[in-house]
Amino acid sequence: MENSTYDAEKRFQEAVQILDVVFSIKNLSNIELSHLRRITNEVVKQAERDNPSSDLAIVNPPEEITQRFLLELYGVDYHYIQEHSKTEEDVNGFIEYIRKVRERAHLI
């Protein structure tokens, strides 16, 4: 039986849910879904290859997928957002920024 950690479809669905719940990124476009699926497959393959005791091992695939997605598609560093989003206003500002970036990307 396959370990669910390496179930790409399950990891993909979890990443979609994280993007929706945490970042209010809803209704992903076909291009966004394609990138998310590619990133998911890369992360799952890397997680399978990694030695779990390594410092570089992927511990939380859905979080890694989400981080890479935000960085590759929107140029947003997840760790920077975590460090600098201390208030609800900061979080709402970040969510609004992502909304505007997505809106502009779909108009081009």
PDB file of N, CA and C in Angstrom:
ATOM      1  N   MET A   1       0.831  -1.181   0.000  1.00  0.00           N
ATOM      2  CA  MET A   1       0.000   0.000   0.000  1.00  0.00           C
ATOM      3  C   MET A   1       0.881   1.252   0.000  1.00  0.00           C
ATOM      4  N   GLU A   2       0.518   2.224  -0.827  1.00  0.00           N
ATOM      5  CA  GLU A   2       1.304   3.436  -0.966  1.00  0.00           C
ATOM      6  C   GLU A   2       1.095   4.354   0.237  1.00  0.00           C
ATOM      7  N   ASN A   3       2.180   4.937   0.702  1.00  0.00           N
ATOM      8  CA  ASN A   3       2.111   5.891   1.800  1.00  0.00           C
ATOM      9  C   ASN A   3       1.382   7.141   1.305  1.00  0.00           C
ATOM     10  N   SER A   4       0.408   7.630   2.066  1.00  0.00           N
ATOM     11  CA  SER A   4      -0.380   8.783   1.623  1.00  0.00           C
ATOM     12  C   SER A   4       0.463  10.049   1.499  1.00  0.00           C
ATOM     13  N   THR A   5       1.629  10.075   2.137  1.00  0.00           N
ATOM     14  CA  THR A   5       2.528  11.218   1.993  1.00  0.00           C
ATOM     15  C   THR A   5       2.909  11.410   0.536  1.00  0.00           C
ATOM     16  N   TYR A   6       2.985  10.315  -0.204  1.00  0.00           N
ATOM     17  CA  TYR A   6       3.425  10.364  -1.590  1.00  0.00           C
ATOM     18  C   TYR A   6       2.262  10.280  -2.576  1.00  0.00           C
ATOM     19  N   ASP A   7       1.051  10.493  -2.111  1.00  0.00           N
ATOM     20  CA  ASP A   7      -0.138  10.489  -2.963  1.00  0.00           C
ATOM     21  C   ASP A   7      -0.288  11.891  -3.557  1.00  0.00           C
ATOM     22  N   ALA A   8       0.128  12.049  -4.818  1.00  0.00           N
ATOM     23  CA  ALA A   8       0.154  13.373  -5.445  1.00  0.00           C
ATOM     24  C   ALA A   8      -1.229  14.010  -5.508  1.00  0.00           C
ATOM     25  N   GLU A   9      -2.253  13.231  -5.789  1.00  0.00           N
ATOM     26  CA  GLU A   9      -3.606  13.802  -5.883  1.00  0.00           C
ATOM     27  C   GLU A   9      -4.069  14.332  -4.523  1.00  0.00           C
ATOM     28  N   LYS A  10      -3.792  13.583  -3.481  1.00  0.00           N
ATOM     29  CA  LYS A  10      -4.171  14.026  -2.132  1.00  0.00           C
ATOM     30  C   LYS A  10      -3.411  15.296  -1.759  1.00  0.00           C
ATOM     31  N   ARG A  11      -2.114  15.333  -2.033  1.00  0.00           N
ATOM     32  CA  ARG A  11      -1.302  16.519  -1.744  1.00  0.00           C
ATOM     33  C   ARG A  11      -1.799  17.720  -2.557  1.00  0.00           C
ATOM     34  N   PHE A  12      -2.191  17.484  -3.811  1.00  0.00           N
ATOM     35  CA  PHE A  12      -2.720  18.547  -4.672  1.00  0.00           C
ATOM     36  C   PHE A  12      -3.987  19.145  -4.060  1.00  0.00           C
ATOM     37  N   GLN A  13      -4.913  18.288  -3.641  1.00  0.00           N
ATOM     38  CA  GLN A  13      -6.170  18.757  -3.046  1.00  0.00           C
ATOM     39  C   GLN A  13      -5.916  19.521  -1.744  1.00  0.00           C
ATOM     40  N   GLU A  14      -4.957  19.056  -0.959  1.00  0.00           N
ATOM     41  CA  GLU A  14      -4.613  19.763   0.280  1.00  0.00           C
ATOM     42  C   GLU A  14      -4.042  21.147  -0.019  1.00  0.00           C
ATOM     43  N   ALA A  15      -3.200  21.232  -1.046  1.00  0.00           N
ATOM     44  CA  ALA A  15      -2.622  22.527  -1.414  1.00  0.00           C
ATOM     45  C   ALA A  15      -3.707  23.493  -1.891  1.00  0.00           C
ATOM     46  N   VAL A  16      -4.655  22.997  -2.676  1.00  0.00           N
ATOM     47  CA  VAL A  16      -5.778  23.831  -3.128  1.00  0.00           C
ATOM     48  C   VAL A  16      -6.545  24.353  -1.918  1.00  0.00           C
ATOM     49  N   GLN A  17      -6.770  23.488  -0.949  1.00  0.00           N
ATOM     50  CA  GLN A  17      -7.506  23.879   0.257  1.00  0.00           C
ATOM     51  C   GLN A  17      -6.726  24.927   1.067  1.00  0.00           C
ATOM     52  N   ILE A  18      -5.418  24.745   1.203  1.00  0.00           N
ATOM     53  CA  ILE A  18      -4.596  25.718   1.928  1.00  0.00           C
ATOM     54  C   ILE A  18      -4.646  27.074   1.229  1.00  0.00           C
ATOM     55  N   LEU A  19      -4.510  27.068  -0.092  1.00  0.00           N
ATOM     56  CA  LEU A  19      -4.564  28.327  -0.832  1.00  0.00           C
ATOM     57  C   LEU A  19      -5.898  29.031  -0.620  1.00  0.00           C
ATOM     58  N   ASP A  20      -6.967  28.261  -0.571  1.00  0.00           N
ATOM     59  CA  ASP A  20      -8.303  28.823  -0.375  1.00  0.00           C
ATOM     60  C   ASP A  20      -8.479  29.351   1.047  1.00  0.00           C
ATOM     61  N   VAL A  21      -8.230  28.513   2.023  1.00  0.00           N
ATOM     62  CA  VAL A  21      -8.523  28.858   3.422  1.00  0.00           C
ATOM     63  C   VAL A  21      -7.541  29.892   3.984  1.00  0.00           C
ATOM     64  N   VAL A  22      -6.265  29.700   3.750  1.00  0.00           N
ATOM     65  CA  VAL A  22      -5.252  30.561   4.368  1.00  0.00           C
ATOM     66  C   VAL A  22      -5.025  31.852   3.580  1.00  0.00           C
ATOM     67  N   PHE A  23      -5.032  31.751   2.238  1.00  0.00           N
ATOM     68  CA  PHE A  23      -4.664  32.896   1.407  1.00  0.00           C
ATOM     69  C   PHE A  23      -5.818  33.468   0.587  1.00  0.00           C
ATOM     70  N   SER A  24      -7.016  32.920   0.754  1.00  0.00           N
ATOM     71  CA  SER A  24      -8.203  33.366   0.002  1.00  0.00           C
ATOM     72  C   SER A  24      -7.982  33.324  -1.505  1.00  0.00           C
ATOM     73  N   ILE A  25      -7.181  32.369  -1.959  1.00  0.00           N
ATOM     74  CA  ILE A  25      -6.965  32.174  -3.391  1.00  0.00           C
ATOM     75  C   ILE A  25      -7.950  31.106  -3.830  1.00  0.00           C
ATOM     76  N   LYS A  26      -9.010  31.575  -4.487  1.00  0.00           N
ATOM     77  CA  LYS A  26     -10.104  30.690  -4.881  1.00  0.00           C
ATOM     78  C   LYS A  26     -10.193  30.636  -6.398  1.00  0.00           C
ATOM     79  N   ASN A  27     -10.924  29.678  -6.898  1.00  0.00           N
ATOM     80  CA  ASN A  27     -11.192  29.578  -8.336  1.00  0.00           C
ATOM     81  C   ASN A  27      -9.916  29.696  -9.162  1.00  0.00           C
ATOM     82  N   LEU A  28      -8.992  28.783  -8.941  1.00  0.00           N
ATOM     83  CA  LEU A  28      -7.736  28.801  -9.679  1.00  0.00           C
ATOM     84  C   LEU A  28      -7.999  28.652 -11.175  1.00  0.00           C
ATOM     85  N   SER A  29      -7.266  29.430 -11.967  1.00  0.00           N
ATOM     86  CA  SER A  29      -7.387  29.343 -13.421  1.00  0.00           C
ATOM     87  C   SER A  29      -6.741  28.045 -13.897  1.00  0.00           C
ATOM     88  N   ASN A  30      -6.953  27.710 -15.156  1.00  0.00           N
ATOM     89  CA  ASN A  30      -6.336  26.503 -15.719  1.00  0.00           C
ATOM     90  C   ASN A  30      -4.815  26.592 -15.666  1.00  0.00           C
ATOM     91  N   ILE A  31      -4.281  27.777 -15.914  1.00  0.00           N
ATOM     92  CA  ILE A  31      -2.827  27.957 -15.863  1.00  0.00           C
ATOM     93  C   ILE A  31      -2.323  27.758 -14.436  1.00  0.00           C
ATOM     94  N   GLU A  32      -3.014  28.341 -13.466  1.00  0.00           N
ATOM     95  CA  GLU A  32      -2.620  28.175 -12.064  1.00  0.00           C
ATOM     96  C   GLU A  32      -2.713  26.711 -11.646  1.00  0.00           C
ATOM     97  N   LEU A  33      -3.787  26.046 -12.046  1.00  0.00           N
ATOM     98  CA  LEU A  33      -3.940  24.621 -11.719  1.00  0.00           C
ATOM     99  C   LEU A  33      -2.828  23.791 -12.337  1.00  0.00           C
ATOM    100  N   SER A  34      -2.459  24.123 -13.566  1.00  0.00           N
ATOM    101  CA  SER A  34      -1.382  23.398 -14.240  1.00  0.00           C
ATOM    102  C   SER A  34      -0.059  23.568 -13.489  1.00  0.00           C
ATOM    103  N   HIS A  35       0.243  24.792 -13.095  1.00  0.00           N
ATOM    104  CA  HIS A  35       1.471  25.042 -12.325  1.00  0.00           C
ATOM    105  C   HIS A  35       1.420  24.330 -10.974  1.00  0.00           C
ATOM    106  N   LEU A  36       0.269  24.391 -10.319  1.00  0.00           N
ATOM    107  CA  LEU A  36       0.132  23.745  -9.013  1.00  0.00           C
ATOM    108  C   LEU A  36       0.323  22.237  -9.132  1.00  0.00           C
ATOM    109  N   ARG A  37      -0.221  21.641 -10.183  1.00  0.00           N
ATOM    110  CA  ARG A  37      -0.069  20.194 -10.377  1.00  0.00           C
ATOM    111  C   ARG A  37       1.393  19.839 -10.647  1.00  0.00           C
ATOM    112  N   ARG A  38       2.079  20.655 -11.478  1.00  0.00           N
ATOM    113  CA  ARG A  38       3.496  20.404 -11.771  1.00  0.00           C
ATOM    114  C   ARG A  38       4.321  20.499 -10.488  1.00  0.00           C
ATOM    115  N   ILE A  39       4.089  21.546  -9.710  1.00  0.00           N
ATOM    116  CA  ILE A  39       4.818  21.732  -8.453  1.00  0.00           C
ATOM    117  C   ILE A  39       4.524  20.577  -7.502  1.00  0.00           C
ATOM    118  N   THR A  40       3.275  20.162  -7.432  1.00  0.00           N
ATOM    119  CA  THR A  40       2.891  19.036  -6.572  1.00  0.00           C
ATOM    120  C   THR A  40       3.661  17.785  -6.951  1.00  0.00           C
ATOM    121  N   ASN A  41       3.700  17.474  -8.242  1.00  0.00           N
ATOM    122  CA  ASN A  41       4.412  16.273  -8.695  1.00  0.00           C
ATOM    123  C   ASN A  41       5.900  16.355  -8.372  1.00  0.00           C
ATOM    124  N   GLU A  42       6.498  17.539  -8.549  1.00  0.00           N
ATOM    125  CA  GLU A  42       7.917  17.713  -8.225  1.00  0.00           C
ATOM    126  C   GLU A  42       8.177  17.497  -6.732  1.00  0.00           C
ATOM    127  N   VAL A  43       7.331  18.077  -5.899  1.00  0.00           N
ATOM    128  CA  VAL A  43       7.515  17.970  -4.445  1.00  0.00           C
ATOM    129  C   VAL A  43       7.334  16.529  -3.983  1.00  0.00           C
ATOM    130  N   VAL A  44       6.309  15.854  -4.490  1.00  0.00           N
ATOM    131  CA  VAL A  44       6.060  14.463  -4.089  1.00  0.00           C
ATOM    132  C   VAL A  44       7.226  13.574  -4.514  1.00  0.00           C
ATOM    133  N   LYS A  45       7.734  13.764  -5.733  1.00  0.00           N
ATOM    134  CA  LYS A  45       8.881  12.970  -6.193  1.00  0.00           C
ATOM    135  C   LYS A  45      10.108  13.241  -5.330  1.00  0.00           C
ATOM    136  N   GLN A  46      10.330  14.516  -5.004  1.00  0.00           N
ATOM    137  CA  GLN A  46      11.475  14.857  -4.154  1.00  0.00           C
ATOM    138  C   GLN A  46      11.310  14.261  -2.762  1.00  0.00           C
ATOM    139  N   ALA A  47      10.105  14.324  -2.218  1.00  0.00           N
ATOM    140  CA  ALA A  47       9.850  13.769  -0.880  1.00  0.00           C
ATOM    141  C   ALA A  47      10.103  12.263  -0.863  1.00  0.00           C
ATOM    142  N   GLU A  48       9.760  11.582  -1.945  1.00  0.00           N
ATOM    143  CA  GLU A  48       9.994  10.130  -2.029  1.00  0.00           C
ATOM    144  C   GLU A  48      11.484   9.819  -2.044  1.00  0.00           C
ATOM    145  N   ARG A  49      12.260  10.664  -2.730  1.00  0.00           N
ATOM    146  CA  ARG A  49      13.702  10.432  -2.863  1.00  0.00           C
ATOM    147  C   ARG A  49      14.475  10.807  -1.607  1.00  0.00           C
ATOM    148  N   ASP A  50      13.986  11.808  -0.882  1.00  0.00           N
ATOM    149  CA  ASP A  50      14.711  12.335   0.278  1.00  0.00           C
ATOM    150  C   ASP A  50      14.821  11.309   1.399  1.00  0.00           C
ATOM    151  N   ASN A  51      15.916  11.415   2.123  1.00  0.00           N
ATOM    152  CA  ASN A  51      16.096  10.648   3.348  1.00  0.00           C
ATOM    153  C   ASN A  51      15.331  11.397   4.441  1.00  0.00           C
ATOM    154  N   PRO A  52      14.331  10.768   5.067  1.00  0.00           N
ATOM    155  CA  PRO A  52      13.510  11.471   6.063  1.00  0.00           C
ATOM    156  C   PRO A  52      14.300  12.106   7.206  1.00  0.00           C
ATOM    157  N   SER A  53      15.474  11.582   7.508  1.00  0.00           N
ATOM    158  CA  SER A  53      16.257  12.141   8.611  1.00  0.00           C
ATOM    159  C   SER A  53      17.162  13.290   8.171  1.00  0.00           C
ATOM    160  N   SER A  54      17.179  13.585   6.879  1.00  0.00           N
ATOM    161  CA  SER A  54      18.004  14.668   6.365  1.00  0.00           C
ATOM    162  C   SER A  54      17.431  16.026   6.761  1.00  0.00           C
ATOM    163  N   ASP A  55      18.311  16.986   6.974  1.00  0.00           N
ATOM    164  CA  ASP A  55      17.871  18.351   7.280  1.00  0.00           C
ATOM    165  C   ASP A  55      17.149  18.985   6.100  1.00  0.00           C
ATOM    166  N   LEU A  56      17.404  18.484   4.903  1.00  0.00           N
ATOM    167  CA  LEU A  56      16.797  19.044   3.699  1.00  0.00           C
ATOM    168  C   LEU A  56      15.535  18.305   3.269  1.00  0.00           C
ATOM    169  N   ALA A  57      15.139  17.296   4.013  1.00  0.00           N
ATOM    170  CA  ALA A  57      13.957  16.508   3.649  1.00  0.00           C
ATOM    171  C   ALA A  57      12.694  17.365   3.729  1.00  0.00           C
ATOM    172  N   ILE A  58      11.758  17.084   2.839  1.00  0.00           N
ATOM    173  CA  ILE A  58      10.469  17.770   2.851  1.00  0.00           C
ATOM    174  C   ILE A  58       9.614  17.129   3.931  1.00  0.00           C
ATOM    175  N   VAL A  59       9.311  17.892   4.959  1.00  0.00           N
ATOM    176  CA  VAL A  59       8.573  17.379   6.109  1.00  0.00           C
ATOM    177  C   VAL A  59       7.067  17.505   5.903  1.00  0.00           C
ATOM    178  N   ASN A  60       6.652  18.598   5.286  1.00  0.00           N
ATOM    179  CA  ASN A  60       5.230  18.879   5.108  1.00  0.00           C
ATOM    180  C   ASN A  60       4.970  19.193   3.632  1.00  0.00           C
ATOM    181  N   PRO A  61       4.716  18.168   2.800  1.00  0.00           N
ATOM    182  CA  PRO A  61       4.539  18.408   1.364  1.00  0.00           C
ATOM    183  C   PRO A  61       3.486  19.461   1.007  1.00  0.00           C
ATOM    184  N   PRO A  62       2.286  19.465   1.610  1.00  0.00           N
ATOM    185  CA  PRO A  62       1.311  20.497   1.216  1.00  0.00           C
ATOM    186  C   PRO A  62       1.811  21.924   1.468  1.00  0.00           C
ATOM    187  N   GLU A  63       2.515  22.121   2.573  1.00  0.00           N
ATOM    188  CA  GLU A  63       3.065  23.450   2.861  1.00  0.00           C
ATOM    189  C   GLU A  63       4.160  23.802   1.861  1.00  0.00           C
ATOM    190  N   GLU A  64       5.016  22.842   1.538  1.00  0.00           N
ATOM    191  CA  GLU A  64       6.086  23.064   0.560  1.00  0.00           C
ATOM    192  C   GLU A  64       5.494  23.401  -0.806  1.00  0.00           C
ATOM    193  N   ILE A  65       4.450  22.693  -1.196  1.00  0.00           N
ATOM    194  CA  ILE A  65       3.780  22.946  -2.477  1.00  0.00           C
ATOM    195  C   ILE A  65       3.230  24.367  -2.496  1.00  0.00           C
ATOM    196  N   THR A  66       2.556  24.748  -1.438  1.00  0.00           N
ATOM    197  CA  THR A  66       1.964  26.081  -1.346  1.00  0.00           C
ATOM    198  C   THR A  66       3.041  27.159  -1.397  1.00  0.00           C
ATOM    199  N   GLN A  67       4.130  26.964  -0.671  1.00  0.00           N
ATOM    200  CA  GLN A  67       5.220  27.943  -0.659  1.00  0.00           C
ATOM    201  C   GLN A  67       5.811  28.121  -2.051  1.00  0.00           C
ATOM    202  N   ARG A  68       6.084  27.016  -2.720  1.00  0.00           N
ATOM    203  CA  ARG A  68       6.659  27.096  -4.069  1.00  0.00           C
ATOM    204  C   ARG A  68       5.685  27.756  -5.043  1.00  0.00           C
ATOM    205  N   PHE A  69       4.408  27.435  -4.928  1.00  0.00           N
ATOM    206  CA  PHE A  69       3.385  28.020  -5.792  1.00  0.00           C
ATOM    207  C   PHE A  69       3.371  29.541  -5.627  1.00  0.00           C
ATOM    208  N   LEU A  70       3.314  30.018  -4.395  1.00  0.00           N
ATOM    209  CA  LEU A  70       3.281  31.460  -4.145  1.00  0.00           C
ATOM    210  C   LEU A  70       4.537  32.146  -4.683  1.00  0.00           C
ATOM    211  N   LEU A  71       5.686  31.514  -4.512  1.00  0.00           N
ATOM    212  CA  LEU A  71       6.938  32.106  -4.967  1.00  0.00           C
ATOM    213  C   LEU A  71       7.031  32.107  -6.492  1.00  0.00           C
ATOM    214  N   GLU A  72       6.744  30.983  -7.124  1.00  0.00           N
ATOM    215  CA  GLU A  72       6.886  30.870  -8.575  1.00  0.00           C
ATOM    216  C   GLU A  72       5.853  31.694  -9.338  1.00  0.00           C
ATOM    217  N   LEU A  73       4.618  31.699  -8.885  1.00  0.00           N
ATOM    218  CA  LEU A  73       3.578  32.388  -9.637  1.00  0.00           C
ATOM    219  C   LEU A  73       3.416  33.849  -9.259  1.00  0.00           C
ATOM    220  N   TYR A  74       3.602  34.188  -8.001  1.00  0.00           N
ATOM    221  CA  TYR A  74       3.336  35.551  -7.549  1.00  0.00           C
ATOM    222  C   TYR A  74       4.568  36.268  -7.016  1.00  0.00           C
ATOM    223  N   GLY A  75       5.703  35.572  -6.927  1.00  0.00           N
ATOM    224  CA  GLY A  75       6.907  36.190  -6.399  1.00  0.00           C
ATOM    225  C   GLY A  75       6.817  36.513  -4.919  1.00  0.00           C
ATOM    226  N   VAL A  76       5.992  35.759  -4.202  1.00  0.00           N
ATOM    227  CA  VAL A  76       5.747  36.012  -2.785  1.00  0.00           C
ATOM    228  C   VAL A  76       6.501  34.990  -1.943  1.00  0.00           C
ATOM    229  N   ASP A  77       7.330  35.489  -1.030  1.00  0.00           N
ATOM    230  CA  ASP A  77       8.065  34.621  -0.109  1.00  0.00           C
ATOM    231  C   ASP A  77       7.189  34.353   1.116  1.00  0.00           C
ATOM    232  N   TYR A  78       6.754  33.130   1.246  1.00  0.00           N
ATOM    233  CA  TYR A  78       5.858  32.714   2.325  1.00  0.00           C
ATOM    234  C   TYR A  78       6.437  33.047   3.700  1.00  0.00           C
ATOM    235  N   HIS A  79       7.732  32.829   3.867  1.00  0.00           N
ATOM    236  CA  HIS A  79       8.368  33.082   5.165  1.00  0.00           C
ATOM    237  C   HIS A  79       8.378  34.574   5.489  1.00  0.00           C
ATOM    238  N   TYR A  80       8.573  35.412   4.489  1.00  0.00           N
ATOM    239  CA  TYR A  80       8.524  36.861   4.695  1.00  0.00           C
ATOM    240  C   TYR A  80       7.136  37.270   5.168  1.00  0.00           C
ATOM    241  N   ILE A  81       6.106  36.710   4.531  1.00  0.00           N
ATOM    242  CA  ILE A  81       4.726  37.025   4.903  1.00  0.00           C
ATOM    243  C   ILE A  81       4.466  36.603   6.349  1.00  0.00           C
ATOM    244  N   GLN A  82       4.917  35.406   6.716  1.00  0.00           N
ATOM    245  CA  GLN A  82       4.722  34.936   8.095  1.00  0.00           C
ATOM    246  C   GLN A  82       5.386  35.867   9.105  1.00  0.00           C
ATOM    247  N   GLU A  83       6.587  36.323   8.793  1.00  0.00           N
ATOM    248  CA  GLU A  83       7.336  37.171   9.717  1.00  0.00           C
ATOM    249  C   GLU A  83       6.746  38.574   9.836  1.00  0.00           C
ATOM    250  N   HIS A  84       6.154  39.071   8.742  1.00  0.00           N
ATOM    251  CA  HIS A  84       5.713  40.464   8.706  1.00  0.00           C
ATOM    252  C   HIS A  84       4.201  40.644   8.753  1.00  0.00           C
ATOM    253  N   SER A  85       3.467  39.592   8.920  1.00  0.00           N
ATOM    254  CA  SER A  85       2.005  39.689   9.029  1.00  0.00           C
ATOM    255  C   SER A  85       1.609  39.502  10.487  1.00  0.00           C
ATOM    256  N   LYS A  86       1.788  40.548  11.255  1.00  0.00           N
ATOM    257  CA  LYS A  86       1.527  40.477  12.692  1.00  0.00           C
ATOM    258  C   LYS A  86       0.089  40.841  13.047  1.00  0.00           C
ATOM    259  N   THR A  87      -0.541  41.664  12.211  1.00  0.00           N
ATOM    260  CA  THR A  87      -1.899  42.104  12.508  1.00  0.00           C
ATOM    261  C   THR A  87      -2.860  41.612  11.427  1.00  0.00           C
ATOM    262  N   GLU A  88      -4.130  41.675  11.723  1.00  0.00           N
ATOM    263  CA  GLU A  88      -5.148  41.292  10.737  1.00  0.00           C
ATOM    264  C   GLU A  88      -5.073  42.210   9.519  1.00  0.00           C
ATOM    265  N   GLU A  89      -4.724  43.466   9.745  1.00  0.00           N
ATOM    266  CA  GLU A  89      -4.579  44.426   8.645  1.00  0.00           C
ATOM    267  C   GLU A  89      -3.451  43.999   7.705  1.00  0.00           C
ATOM    268  N   ASP A  90      -2.336  43.517   8.266  1.00  0.00           N
ATOM    269  CA  ASP A  90      -1.223  43.023   7.454  1.00  0.00           C
ATOM    270  C   ASP A  90      -1.667  41.845   6.598  1.00  0.00           C
ATOM    271  N   VAL A  91      -2.373  40.913   7.204  1.00  0.00           N
ATOM    272  CA  VAL A  91      -2.849  39.723   6.490  1.00  0.00           C
ATOM    273  C   VAL A  91      -3.808  40.135   5.382  1.00  0.00           C
ATOM    274  N   ASN A  92      -4.728  41.030   5.691  1.00  0.00           N
ATOM    275  CA  ASN A  92      -5.683  41.488   4.683  1.00  0.00           C
ATOM    276  C   ASN A  92      -4.986  42.223   3.544  1.00  0.00           C
ATOM    277  N   GLY A  93      -3.934  42.976   3.859  1.00  0.00           N
ATOM    278  CA  GLY A  93      -3.150  43.653   2.830  1.00  0.00           C
ATOM    279  C   GLY A  93      -2.480  42.664   1.899  1.00  0.00           C
ATOM    280  N   PHE A  94      -1.934  41.611   2.467  1.00  0.00           N
ATOM    281  CA  PHE A  94      -1.305  40.570   1.658  1.00  0.00           C
ATOM    282  C   PHE A  94      -2.332  39.882   0.765  1.00  0.00           C
ATOM    283  N   ILE A  95      -3.485  39.547   1.315  1.00  0.00           N
ATOM    284  CA  ILE A  95      -4.542  38.887   0.542  1.00  0.00           C
ATOM    285  C   ILE A  95      -5.004  39.797  -0.595  1.00  0.00           C
ATOM    286  N   GLU A  96      -5.120  41.079  -0.325  1.00  0.00           N
ATOM    287  CA  GLU A  96      -5.519  42.040  -1.364  1.00  0.00           C
ATOM    288  C   GLU A  96      -4.450  42.132  -2.452  1.00  0.00           C
ATOM    289  N   TYR A  97      -3.179  42.112  -2.060  1.00  0.00           N
ATOM    290  CA  TYR A  97      -2.081  42.132  -3.025  1.00  0.00           C
ATOM    291  C   TYR A  97      -2.173  40.926  -3.966  1.00  0.00           C
ATOM    292  N   ILE A  98      -2.370  39.748  -3.408  1.00  0.00           N
ATOM    293  CA  ILE A  98      -2.497  38.536  -4.227  1.00  0.00           C
ATOM    294  C   ILE A  98      -3.697  38.659  -5.163  1.00  0.00           C
ATOM    295  N   ARG A  99      -4.812  39.176  -4.663  1.00  0.00           N
ATOM    296  CA  ARG A  99      -6.006  39.335  -5.493  1.00  0.00           C
ATOM    297  C   ARG A  99      -5.714  40.240  -6.692  1.00  0.00           C
ATOM    298  N   LYS A 100      -5.001  41.348  -6.454  1.00  0.00           N
ATOM    299  CA  LYS A 100      -4.682  42.284  -7.535  1.00  0.00           C
ATOM    300  C   LYS A 100      -3.719  41.667  -8.544  1.00  0.00           C
ATOM    301  N   VAL A 101      -2.726  40.945  -8.060  1.00  0.00           N
ATOM    302  CA  VAL A 101      -1.773  40.285  -8.960  1.00  0.00           C
ATOM    303  C   VAL A 101      -2.505  39.281  -9.843  1.00  0.00           C
ATOM    304  N   ARG A 102      -3.380  38.486  -9.250  1.00  0.00           N
ATOM    305  CA  ARG A 102      -4.143  37.497 -10.017  1.00  0.00           C
ATOM    306  C   ARG A 102      -5.065  38.184 -11.016  1.00  0.00           C
ATOM    307  N   GLU A 103      -5.686  39.266 -10.599  1.00  0.00           N
ATOM    308  CA  GLU A 103      -6.596  39.999 -11.474  1.00  0.00           C
ATOM    309  C   GLU A 103      -5.841  40.537 -12.688  1.00  0.00           C
ATOM    310  N   ARG A 104      -4.685  41.140 -12.471  1.00  0.00           N
ATOM    311  CA  ARG A 104      -3.873  41.667 -13.573  1.00  0.00           C
ATOM    312  C   ARG A 104      -3.395  40.553 -14.493  1.00  0.00           C
ATOM    313  N   ALA A 105      -3.013  39.436 -13.927  1.00  0.00           N
ATOM    314  CA  ALA A 105      -2.519  38.312 -14.729  1.00  0.00           C
ATOM    315  C   ALA A 105      -3.601  37.782 -15.661  1.00  0.00           C
ATOM    316  N   HIS A 106      -4.834  37.805 -15.216  1.00  0.00           N
ATOM    317  CA  HIS A 106      -5.924  37.280 -16.035  1.00  0.00           C
ATOM    318  C   HIS A 106      -6.391  38.280 -17.078  1.00  0.00           C
ATOM    319  N   LEU A 107      -6.045  39.551 -16.930  1.00  0.00           N
ATOM    320  CA  LEU A 107      -6.428  40.569 -17.908  1.00  0.00           C
ATOM    321  C   LEU A 107      -5.436  40.645 -19.059  1.00  0.00           C
ATOM    322  N   ILE A 108      -4.231  40.172 -18.839  1.00  0.00           N
ATOM    323  CA  ILE A 108      -3.178  40.270 -19.865  1.00  0.00           C
ATOM    324  C   ILE A 108      -3.414  39.253 -20.951  1.00  0.00           C
TER     325      ILE A 108
END
